[in-house]
Amino acid sequence: MQQIEQNPTMAELTPLTMAVLPKLLENGQPGCEVIETEDSFTFRTPPSRFIDLACKFYGSSLKGRQAGVKDICGITHKAPISIDPVSGMYFFPTSSPLSHACSWISHSHIKRIEAASHQRTTLIFKNGYTLTLDVSYGSMMNQVQRTAQYRFLLDKRIRHLWKYGGDQIAEPFV
């Protein structure tokens, strides 16, 4: 695995991103590790700040995405978000996004979830990668289900728009 330390002003998550995890850097500062299907990268920014930068890369912000979730399905705490619904990038936080200990998990990459000892949960990703987090099985399942609900409702809205010519250019002069 290649390790690249960066201090991003913008962040691009891709459909290959499986998780954004908290990582304490050598100087004691909070950073994050971005786990992709075949690589990982370390950044000098906490996970939720990295997610915010990724949202901004795709034209919104973490707060904007959270407000959208609240409007669509009423979730206000530990809200799942869509970084980019077109490419299927839906992530959910494992704890409060305000905490530097919060991990962000890609809903699309999860194959299975198993209860682990000491109120922990093991995630098995589609590529075989496993990750055990200090989150109870019940809490993790709740986050997965809430993400699925949000994903369904947002997809339904997007499909409705495309049904009525959402691919047309909005400018009247064209």
N, C-alpha and C. Protein backbone atom coordinates (compact mmCIF):
# COMPACT_ATOMS: atom_id res chain seq x y z
N MET A 1 0.82 -1.19 0.00
CA MET A 1 0.00 0.00 0.00
C MET A 1 0.87 1.25 0.00
N GLN A 2 0.50 2.16 -0.82
CA GLN A 2 1.23 3.42 -0.94
C GLN A 2 0.73 4.41 0.11
N GLN A 3 1.63 5.06 0.83
CA GLN A 3 1.27 6.07 1.81
C GLN A 3 1.66 7.44 1.28
N ILE A 4 0.71 8.34 1.17
CA ILE A 4 0.98 9.70 0.72
C ILE A 4 0.42 10.66 1.74
N GLU A 5 1.27 11.48 2.32
CA GLU A 5 0.83 12.49 3.28
C GLU A 5 0.53 13.78 2.53
N GLN A 6 -0.64 14.33 2.74
CA GLN A 6 -1.02 15.57 2.09
C GLN A 6 -1.81 16.44 3.06
N ASN A 7 -1.88 17.71 2.77
CA ASN A 7 -2.74 18.64 3.49
C ASN A 7 -3.66 19.26 2.45
N PRO A 8 -4.80 18.61 2.17
CA PRO A 8 -5.59 19.02 1.02
C PRO A 8 -6.36 20.32 1.22
N THR A 9 -6.53 21.06 0.14
CA THR A 9 -7.46 22.18 0.11
C THR A 9 -8.71 21.74 -0.63
N MET A 10 -8.61 20.63 -1.34
CA MET A 10 -9.76 19.98 -1.93
C MET A 10 -9.52 18.48 -1.86
N ALA A 11 -10.60 17.72 -1.83
CA ALA A 11 -10.48 16.27 -1.74
C ALA A 11 -11.42 15.65 -2.74
N GLU A 12 -10.93 14.67 -3.44
CA GLU A 12 -11.76 13.96 -4.41
C GLU A 12 -11.90 12.52 -3.97
N LEU A 13 -13.09 12.19 -3.46
CA LEU A 13 -13.39 10.79 -3.21
C LEU A 13 -13.89 10.23 -4.53
N THR A 14 -13.65 8.95 -4.74
CA THR A 14 -14.08 8.31 -5.98
C THR A 14 -14.95 7.10 -5.63
N PRO A 15 -15.59 6.50 -6.62
CA PRO A 15 -16.35 5.28 -6.35
C PRO A 15 -15.49 4.14 -5.80
N LEU A 16 -14.17 4.26 -5.84
CA LEU A 16 -13.27 3.24 -5.27
C LEU A 16 -13.06 3.41 -3.77
N THR A 17 -13.47 4.54 -3.20
CA THR A 17 -13.26 4.81 -1.78
C THR A 17 -14.21 3.97 -0.93
N MET A 18 -13.64 3.20 0.01
CA MET A 18 -14.44 2.34 0.88
C MET A 18 -14.67 2.97 2.25
N ALA A 19 -13.69 3.72 2.76
CA ALA A 19 -13.81 4.28 4.10
C ALA A 19 -12.85 5.45 4.29
N VAL A 20 -13.23 6.36 5.16
CA VAL A 20 -12.36 7.45 5.60
C VAL A 20 -12.28 7.32 7.12
N LEU A 21 -11.10 6.96 7.61
CA LEU A 21 -10.92 6.61 9.02
C LEU A 21 -10.08 7.64 9.76
N PRO A 22 -10.35 7.83 11.05
CA PRO A 22 -9.50 8.73 11.83
C PRO A 22 -8.12 8.13 12.02
N LYS A 23 -7.12 8.97 12.03
CA LYS A 23 -5.75 8.50 12.24
C LYS A 23 -4.99 9.60 12.99
N LEU A 24 -4.37 9.22 14.09
CA LEU A 24 -3.55 10.16 14.84
C LEU A 24 -2.19 10.24 14.16
N LEU A 25 -1.80 11.43 13.75
CA LEU A 25 -0.54 11.61 13.03
C LEU A 25 0.63 11.66 14.00
N GLU A 26 1.84 11.56 13.46
CA GLU A 26 3.06 11.51 14.28
C GLU A 26 3.21 12.73 15.18
N ASN A 27 2.65 13.86 14.80
CA ASN A 27 2.75 15.07 15.63
C ASN A 27 1.60 15.18 16.63
N GLY A 28 0.78 14.14 16.72
CA GLY A 28 -0.34 14.12 17.65
C GLY A 28 -1.60 14.79 17.12
N GLN A 29 -1.52 15.32 15.92
CA GLN A 29 -2.68 15.99 15.32
C GLN A 29 -3.60 14.96 14.67
N PRO A 30 -4.92 15.28 14.62
CA PRO A 30 -5.85 14.36 13.96
C PRO A 30 -5.70 14.42 12.45
N GLY A 31 -5.70 13.27 11.83
CA GLY A 31 -5.66 13.15 10.38
C GLY A 31 -6.64 12.08 9.97
N CYS A 32 -6.53 11.62 8.75
CA CYS A 32 -7.41 10.54 8.31
C CYS A 32 -6.68 9.63 7.33
N GLU A 33 -7.17 8.42 7.27
CA GLU A 33 -6.69 7.45 6.30
C GLU A 33 -7.85 7.13 5.36
N VAL A 34 -7.62 7.30 4.08
CA VAL A 34 -8.63 7.00 3.08
C VAL A 34 -8.31 5.63 2.51
N ILE A 35 -9.24 4.70 2.70
CA ILE A 35 -9.07 3.32 2.25
C ILE A 35 -9.82 3.16 0.93
N GLU A 36 -9.09 2.78 -0.11
CA GLU A 36 -9.71 2.50 -1.40
C GLU A 36 -9.61 1.00 -1.67
N THR A 37 -10.22 0.55 -2.74
CA THR A 37 -10.27 -0.89 -3.01
C THR A 37 -8.90 -1.51 -3.15
N GLU A 38 -7.91 -0.77 -3.63
CA GLU A 38 -6.57 -1.34 -3.81
C GLU A 38 -5.45 -0.47 -3.27
N ASP A 39 -5.78 0.54 -2.47
CA ASP A 39 -4.74 1.46 -1.98
C ASP A 39 -5.25 2.19 -0.74
N SER A 40 -4.36 2.90 -0.08
CA SER A 40 -4.76 3.76 1.03
C SER A 40 -3.86 4.99 1.05
N PHE A 41 -4.41 6.08 1.58
CA PHE A 41 -3.70 7.35 1.62
C PHE A 41 -3.93 8.01 2.97
N THR A 42 -2.92 8.69 3.49
CA THR A 42 -3.05 9.42 4.74
C THR A 42 -3.05 10.91 4.45
N PHE A 43 -3.97 11.61 5.09
CA PHE A 43 -4.10 13.05 4.91
C PHE A 43 -4.02 13.76 6.25
N ARG A 44 -3.55 14.98 6.23
CA ARG A 44 -3.40 15.78 7.44
C ARG A 44 -4.65 16.60 7.73
N THR A 45 -5.78 15.96 7.69
CA THR A 45 -7.05 16.60 8.01
C THR A 45 -7.97 15.56 8.63
N PRO A 46 -8.79 15.92 9.62
CA PRO A 46 -9.70 14.95 10.24
C PRO A 46 -10.72 14.41 9.23
N PRO A 47 -11.29 13.24 9.50
CA PRO A 47 -12.21 12.61 8.55
C PRO A 47 -13.37 13.49 8.09
N SER A 48 -14.07 14.12 9.02
CA SER A 48 -15.24 14.92 8.61
C SER A 48 -14.84 16.15 7.81
N ARG A 49 -13.69 16.71 8.08
CA ARG A 49 -13.20 17.83 7.27
C ARG A 49 -12.87 17.33 5.86
N PHE A 50 -12.30 16.14 5.78
CA PHE A 50 -12.00 15.54 4.47
C PHE A 50 -13.30 15.30 3.69
N ILE A 51 -14.32 14.78 4.37
CA ILE A 51 -15.63 14.55 3.74
C ILE A 51 -16.22 15.88 3.27
N ASP A 52 -16.09 16.93 4.09
CA ASP A 52 -16.58 18.26 3.70
C ASP A 52 -15.89 18.73 2.42
N LEU A 53 -14.58 18.56 2.36
CA LEU A 53 -13.83 18.95 1.16
C LEU A 53 -14.27 18.13 -0.06
N ALA A 54 -14.56 16.85 0.15
CA ALA A 54 -15.04 16.00 -0.95
C ALA A 54 -16.42 16.47 -1.43
N CYS A 55 -17.29 16.83 -0.50
CA CYS A 55 -18.60 17.36 -0.88
C CYS A 55 -18.44 18.64 -1.69
N LYS A 56 -17.50 19.49 -1.27
CA LYS A 56 -17.26 20.75 -1.99
C LYS A 56 -16.71 20.48 -3.39
N PHE A 57 -15.91 19.45 -3.53
CA PHE A 57 -15.39 19.07 -4.85
C PHE A 57 -16.55 18.78 -5.81
N TYR A 58 -17.63 18.18 -5.26
CA TYR A 58 -18.80 17.84 -6.07
C TYR A 58 -19.90 18.89 -5.99
N GLY A 59 -19.57 20.11 -5.50
CA GLY A 59 -20.50 21.22 -5.61
C GLY A 59 -21.38 21.51 -4.42
N SER A 60 -21.11 20.94 -3.26
CA SER A 60 -21.92 21.22 -2.08
C SER A 60 -20.99 21.33 -0.88
N SER A 61 -21.48 21.02 0.29
CA SER A 61 -20.68 20.97 1.51
C SER A 61 -21.29 19.91 2.40
N LEU A 62 -20.58 19.52 3.44
CA LEU A 62 -21.12 18.54 4.38
C LEU A 62 -22.41 19.07 4.99
N LYS A 63 -22.42 20.32 5.42
CA LYS A 63 -23.64 20.91 6.00
C LYS A 63 -24.78 20.93 4.99
N GLY A 64 -24.48 21.25 3.74
CA GLY A 64 -25.50 21.24 2.70
C GLY A 64 -26.07 19.86 2.46
N ARG A 65 -25.19 18.86 2.42
CA ARG A 65 -25.65 17.48 2.23
C ARG A 65 -26.51 17.03 3.42
N GLN A 66 -26.09 17.40 4.65
CA GLN A 66 -26.86 17.03 5.84
C GLN A 66 -28.23 17.70 5.83
N ALA A 67 -28.30 18.96 5.40
CA ALA A 67 -29.59 19.66 5.31
C ALA A 67 -30.50 18.97 4.30
N GLY A 68 -29.93 18.51 3.20
CA GLY A 68 -30.71 17.78 2.20
C GLY A 68 -31.28 16.49 2.75
N VAL A 69 -30.49 15.77 3.53
CA VAL A 69 -30.96 14.52 4.14
C VAL A 69 -32.12 14.81 5.09
N LYS A 70 -32.00 15.87 5.86
CA LYS A 70 -33.07 16.25 6.79
C LYS A 70 -34.36 16.53 6.03
N ASP A 71 -34.27 17.25 4.92
CA ASP A 71 -35.46 17.56 4.12
C ASP A 71 -36.05 16.33 3.46
N ILE A 72 -35.22 15.42 3.00
CA ILE A 72 -35.70 14.25 2.26
C ILE A 72 -36.28 13.18 3.18
N CYS A 73 -35.60 12.89 4.29
CA CYS A 73 -36.11 11.79 5.13
C CYS A 73 -36.09 12.07 6.63
N GLY A 74 -35.82 13.30 7.03
CA GLY A 74 -35.97 13.67 8.43
C GLY A 74 -34.84 13.27 9.36
N ILE A 75 -33.76 12.73 8.84
CA ILE A 75 -32.64 12.31 9.69
C ILE A 75 -31.81 13.54 10.05
N THR A 76 -31.61 13.75 11.36
CA THR A 76 -30.87 14.93 11.81
C THR A 76 -29.56 14.61 12.50
N HIS A 77 -29.41 13.43 13.07
CA HIS A 77 -28.19 13.07 13.79
C HIS A 77 -27.48 11.91 13.08
N LYS A 78 -26.18 12.02 12.96
CA LYS A 78 -25.37 11.01 12.26
C LYS A 78 -25.97 10.71 10.89
N ALA A 79 -26.32 11.77 10.18
CA ALA A 79 -27.00 11.62 8.89
C ALA A 79 -26.08 11.03 7.83
N PRO A 80 -26.57 10.05 7.08
CA PRO A 80 -25.82 9.57 5.91
C PRO A 80 -25.85 10.66 4.86
N ILE A 81 -24.88 10.67 3.98
CA ILE A 81 -24.85 11.69 2.93
C ILE A 81 -24.53 11.07 1.58
N SER A 82 -24.87 11.80 0.56
CA SER A 82 -24.47 11.44 -0.79
C SER A 82 -23.37 12.41 -1.20
N ILE A 83 -22.18 11.91 -1.37
CA ILE A 83 -21.10 12.76 -1.87
C ILE A 83 -21.44 13.11 -3.32
N ASP A 84 -21.87 12.10 -4.08
CA ASP A 84 -22.28 12.29 -5.47
C ASP A 84 -23.24 11.16 -5.84
N PRO A 85 -24.56 11.44 -5.89
CA PRO A 85 -25.52 10.36 -6.16
C PRO A 85 -25.38 9.75 -7.54
N VAL A 86 -24.91 10.52 -8.51
CA VAL A 86 -24.78 10.00 -9.88
C VAL A 86 -23.80 8.84 -9.93
N SER A 87 -22.71 8.93 -9.17
CA SER A 87 -21.73 7.84 -9.17
C SER A 87 -21.92 6.90 -7.98
N GLY A 88 -23.03 7.02 -7.26
CA GLY A 88 -23.36 6.09 -6.20
C GLY A 88 -22.51 6.20 -4.95
N MET A 89 -21.98 7.38 -4.67
CA MET A 89 -21.12 7.55 -3.48
C MET A 89 -21.96 8.03 -2.30
N TYR A 90 -22.39 7.07 -1.49
CA TYR A 90 -23.15 7.34 -0.28
C TYR A 90 -22.30 6.89 0.90
N PHE A 91 -22.13 7.78 1.87
CA PHE A 91 -21.32 7.49 3.05
C PHE A 91 -22.13 7.75 4.31
N PHE A 92 -21.82 7.01 5.37
CA PHE A 92 -22.45 7.28 6.66
C PHE A 92 -21.39 7.39 7.73
N PRO A 93 -21.65 8.26 8.74
CA PRO A 93 -20.70 8.40 9.85
C PRO A 93 -20.96 7.35 10.91
N THR A 94 -19.91 6.94 11.60
CA THR A 94 -20.07 5.93 12.65
C THR A 94 -20.32 6.56 14.01
N SER A 95 -20.09 7.86 14.13
CA SER A 95 -20.38 8.60 15.35
C SER A 95 -20.67 10.04 14.94
N SER A 96 -20.71 10.95 15.88
CA SER A 96 -20.97 12.34 15.53
C SER A 96 -19.89 12.85 14.58
N PRO A 97 -20.28 13.45 13.47
CA PRO A 97 -19.28 14.01 12.55
C PRO A 97 -18.43 15.11 13.18
N LEU A 98 -18.86 15.65 14.31
CA LEU A 98 -18.08 16.67 15.01
C LEU A 98 -16.88 16.07 15.72
N SER A 99 -16.91 14.76 15.95
CA SER A 99 -15.82 14.07 16.64
C SER A 99 -14.70 13.71 15.68
N HIS A 100 -13.47 13.92 16.11
CA HIS A 100 -12.32 13.51 15.29
C HIS A 100 -12.22 11.99 15.20
N ALA A 101 -12.96 11.27 16.07
CA ALA A 101 -12.95 9.81 16.06
C ALA A 101 -13.97 9.22 15.08
N CYS A 102 -14.72 10.06 14.41
CA CYS A 102 -15.75 9.60 13.48
C CYS A 102 -15.13 9.00 12.22
N SER A 103 -15.59 7.82 11.86
CA SER A 103 -15.23 7.19 10.59
C SER A 103 -16.38 7.38 9.62
N TRP A 104 -16.08 7.41 8.34
CA TRP A 104 -17.10 7.49 7.30
C TRP A 104 -16.96 6.25 6.42
N ILE A 105 -18.08 5.54 6.25
CA ILE A 105 -18.09 4.27 5.54
C ILE A 105 -18.92 4.38 4.26
N SER A 106 -18.39 3.83 3.18
CA SER A 106 -19.11 3.81 1.90
C SER A 106 -20.15 2.69 1.92
N HIS A 107 -21.40 3.07 1.75
CA HIS A 107 -22.50 2.12 1.76
C HIS A 107 -22.37 1.09 0.63
N SER A 108 -21.89 1.52 -0.51
CA SER A 108 -21.83 0.66 -1.71
C SER A 108 -20.83 -0.48 -1.60
N HIS A 109 -19.83 -0.33 -0.76
CA HIS A 109 -18.76 -1.33 -0.70
C HIS A 109 -18.97 -2.40 0.36
N ILE A 110 -19.99 -2.25 1.20
CA ILE A 110 -20.21 -3.22 2.28
C ILE A 110 -20.81 -4.51 1.73
N LYS A 111 -20.18 -5.62 2.08
CA LYS A 111 -20.72 -6.93 1.71
C LYS A 111 -21.50 -7.52 2.88
N ARG A 112 -20.91 -7.41 4.08
CA ARG A 112 -21.50 -8.04 5.26
C ARG A 112 -21.04 -7.30 6.52
N ILE A 113 -21.86 -7.39 7.55
CA ILE A 113 -21.52 -6.80 8.85
C ILE A 113 -21.68 -7.88 9.90
N GLU A 114 -20.69 -7.98 10.79
CA GLU A 114 -20.74 -8.99 11.84
C GLU A 114 -20.48 -8.35 13.20
N ALA A 115 -21.18 -8.84 14.20
CA ALA A 115 -20.93 -8.40 15.57
C ALA A 115 -19.57 -8.94 16.00
N ALA A 116 -18.80 -8.12 16.68
CA ALA A 116 -17.50 -8.53 17.21
C ALA A 116 -17.55 -8.39 18.73
N SER A 117 -16.53 -8.88 19.40
CA SER A 117 -16.51 -8.81 20.87
C SER A 117 -16.36 -7.37 21.35
N HIS A 118 -16.73 -7.15 22.60
CA HIS A 118 -16.57 -5.86 23.27
C HIS A 118 -17.32 -4.72 22.57
N GLN A 119 -18.57 -5.00 22.16
CA GLN A 119 -19.43 -3.99 21.54
C GLN A 119 -18.80 -3.37 20.28
N ARG A 120 -18.13 -4.18 19.52
CA ARG A 120 -17.50 -3.72 18.28
C ARG A 120 -18.18 -4.39 17.09
N THR A 121 -17.88 -3.90 15.91
CA THR A 121 -18.47 -4.44 14.69
C THR A 121 -17.39 -4.62 13.63
N THR A 122 -17.47 -5.73 12.92
CA THR A 122 -16.55 -5.98 11.81
C THR A 122 -17.31 -5.79 10.50
N LEU A 123 -16.74 -4.96 9.64
CA LEU A 123 -17.27 -4.75 8.30
C LEU A 123 -16.46 -5.60 7.34
N ILE A 124 -17.14 -6.34 6.49
CA ILE A 124 -16.47 -7.08 5.43
C ILE A 124 -16.87 -6.40 4.13
N PHE A 125 -15.89 -5.90 3.41
CA PHE A 125 -16.15 -5.19 2.17
C PHE A 125 -16.17 -6.18 1.00
N LYS A 126 -16.72 -5.76 -0.10
CA LYS A 126 -16.88 -6.62 -1.27
C LYS A 126 -15.56 -7.15 -1.81
N ASN A 127 -14.46 -6.43 -1.59
CA ASN A 127 -13.15 -6.89 -2.07
C ASN A 127 -12.44 -7.79 -1.06
N GLY A 128 -13.11 -8.12 0.07
CA GLY A 128 -12.53 -8.99 1.07
C GLY A 128 -11.85 -8.26 2.22
N TYR A 129 -11.63 -6.97 2.10
CA TYR A 129 -11.00 -6.18 3.16
C TYR A 129 -11.91 -6.18 4.38
N THR A 130 -11.34 -6.37 5.57
CA THR A 130 -12.13 -6.33 6.79
C THR A 130 -11.67 -5.17 7.66
N LEU A 131 -12.62 -4.62 8.41
CA LEU A 131 -12.37 -3.47 9.26
C LEU A 131 -13.21 -3.63 10.52
N THR A 132 -12.58 -3.62 11.68
CA THR A 132 -13.31 -3.71 12.94
C THR A 132 -13.28 -2.35 13.61
N LEU A 133 -14.47 -1.86 13.97
CA LEU A 133 -14.61 -0.53 14.56
C LEU A 133 -15.25 -0.61 15.94
N ASP A 134 -14.96 0.38 16.76
CA ASP A 134 -15.54 0.48 18.11
C ASP A 134 -16.94 1.07 18.03
N VAL A 135 -17.81 0.37 17.34
CA VAL A 135 -19.20 0.77 17.18
C VAL A 135 -20.03 -0.49 17.38
N SER A 136 -21.12 -0.39 18.13
CA SER A 136 -21.93 -1.58 18.37
C SER A 136 -22.59 -2.05 17.07
N TYR A 137 -22.89 -3.33 17.04
CA TYR A 137 -23.54 -3.93 15.87
C TYR A 137 -24.87 -3.25 15.59
N GLY A 138 -25.65 -2.99 16.65
CA GLY A 138 -26.96 -2.34 16.48
C GLY A 138 -26.84 -0.95 15.88
N SER A 139 -25.89 -0.18 16.36
CA SER A 139 -25.67 1.16 15.83
C SER A 139 -25.23 1.11 14.37
N MET A 140 -24.34 0.18 14.05
CA MET A 140 -23.85 0.06 12.67
C MET A 140 -24.99 -0.36 11.74
N MET A 141 -25.79 -1.32 12.16
CA MET A 141 -26.92 -1.76 11.33
C MET A 141 -27.91 -0.62 11.11
N ASN A 142 -28.14 0.17 12.16
CA ASN A 142 -29.04 1.32 12.04
C ASN A 142 -28.52 2.30 10.99
N GLN A 143 -27.22 2.56 11.01
CA GLN A 143 -26.63 3.48 10.03
C GLN A 143 -26.74 2.93 8.61
N VAL A 144 -26.51 1.65 8.45
CA VAL A 144 -26.63 1.02 7.13
C VAL A 144 -28.07 1.13 6.62
N GLN A 145 -29.04 0.85 7.49
CA GLN A 145 -30.44 0.90 7.09
C GLN A 145 -30.90 2.33 6.78
N ARG A 146 -30.45 3.30 7.58
CA ARG A 146 -30.80 4.69 7.32
C ARG A 146 -30.20 5.16 5.98
N THR A 147 -28.99 4.71 5.70
CA THR A 147 -28.37 5.07 4.43
C THR A 147 -29.15 4.47 3.26
N ALA A 148 -29.59 3.23 3.41
CA ALA A 148 -30.38 2.58 2.36
C ALA A 148 -31.70 3.33 2.14
N GLN A 149 -32.34 3.75 3.23
CA GLN A 149 -33.59 4.50 3.12
C GLN A 149 -33.36 5.82 2.38
N TYR A 150 -32.34 6.55 2.78
CA TYR A 150 -32.02 7.84 2.14
C TYR A 150 -31.67 7.63 0.67
N ARG A 151 -30.90 6.63 0.42
CA ARG A 151 -30.48 6.32 -0.96
C ARG A 151 -31.68 6.04 -1.85
N PHE A 152 -32.62 5.25 -1.33
CA PHE A 152 -33.84 4.92 -2.07
C PHE A 152 -34.65 6.18 -2.37
N LEU A 153 -34.86 7.02 -1.35
CA LEU A 153 -35.68 8.22 -1.53
C LEU A 153 -35.03 9.23 -2.48
N LEU A 154 -33.73 9.41 -2.37
CA LEU A 154 -33.04 10.34 -3.27
C LEU A 154 -33.05 9.81 -4.70
N ASP A 155 -32.80 8.51 -4.85
CA ASP A 155 -32.82 7.90 -6.19
C ASP A 155 -34.20 8.04 -6.83
N LYS A 156 -35.23 7.87 -6.03
CA LYS A 156 -36.60 8.01 -6.52
C LYS A 156 -36.84 9.43 -7.06
N ARG A 157 -36.35 10.44 -6.34
CA ARG A 157 -36.48 11.83 -6.80
C ARG A 157 -35.70 12.05 -8.10
N ILE A 158 -34.50 11.53 -8.16
CA ILE A 158 -33.67 11.73 -9.35
C ILE A 158 -34.30 11.05 -10.56
N ARG A 159 -34.80 9.82 -10.37
CA ARG A 159 -35.45 9.10 -11.48
C ARG A 159 -36.69 9.85 -11.96
N HIS A 160 -37.44 10.45 -11.03
CA HIS A 160 -38.62 11.23 -11.39
C HIS A 160 -38.24 12.41 -12.28
N LEU A 161 -37.15 13.10 -11.94
CA LEU A 161 -36.70 14.23 -12.75
C LEU A 161 -36.29 13.79 -14.15
N TRP A 162 -35.56 12.69 -14.24
CA TRP A 162 -35.12 12.20 -15.55
C TRP A 162 -36.31 11.76 -16.40
N LYS A 163 -37.35 11.26 -15.75
CA LYS A 163 -38.55 10.83 -16.46
C LYS A 163 -39.19 11.99 -17.22
N TYR A 164 -39.07 13.19 -16.65
CA TYR A 164 -39.68 14.37 -17.26
C TYR A 164 -38.66 15.27 -17.94
N GLY A 165 -37.64 14.68 -18.52
CA GLY A 165 -36.70 15.45 -19.32
C GLY A 165 -35.64 16.17 -18.53
N GLY A 166 -35.17 15.57 -17.45
CA GLY A 166 -34.13 16.17 -16.63
C GLY A 166 -32.81 16.31 -17.35
N ASP A 167 -32.69 15.68 -18.51
CA ASP A 167 -31.43 15.77 -19.25
C ASP A 167 -31.42 16.96 -20.21
N GLN A 168 -32.49 17.72 -20.25
CA GLN A 168 -32.55 18.86 -21.15
C GLN A 168 -31.76 20.03 -20.59
N ILE A 169 -31.21 20.83 -21.46
CA ILE A 169 -30.44 22.00 -21.06
C ILE A 169 -31.41 23.09 -20.60
N ALA A 170 -31.12 23.74 -19.49
CA ALA A 170 -32.01 24.72 -18.90
C ALA A 170 -31.95 26.09 -19.59
N GLU A 171 -30.88 26.39 -20.30
CA GLU A 171 -30.74 27.71 -20.91
C GLU A 171 -31.68 27.84 -22.11
N PRO A 172 -32.53 28.88 -22.13
CA PRO A 172 -33.50 29.02 -23.22
C PRO A 172 -32.86 29.45 -24.54
N PHE A 173 -31.64 29.95 -24.52
CA PHE A 173 -31.01 30.44 -25.74
C PHE A 173 -30.33 29.34 -26.54
N VAL A 174 -30.33 28.13 -26.07
CA VAL A 174 -29.66 27.04 -26.78
C VAL A 174 -30.62 26.41 -27.77
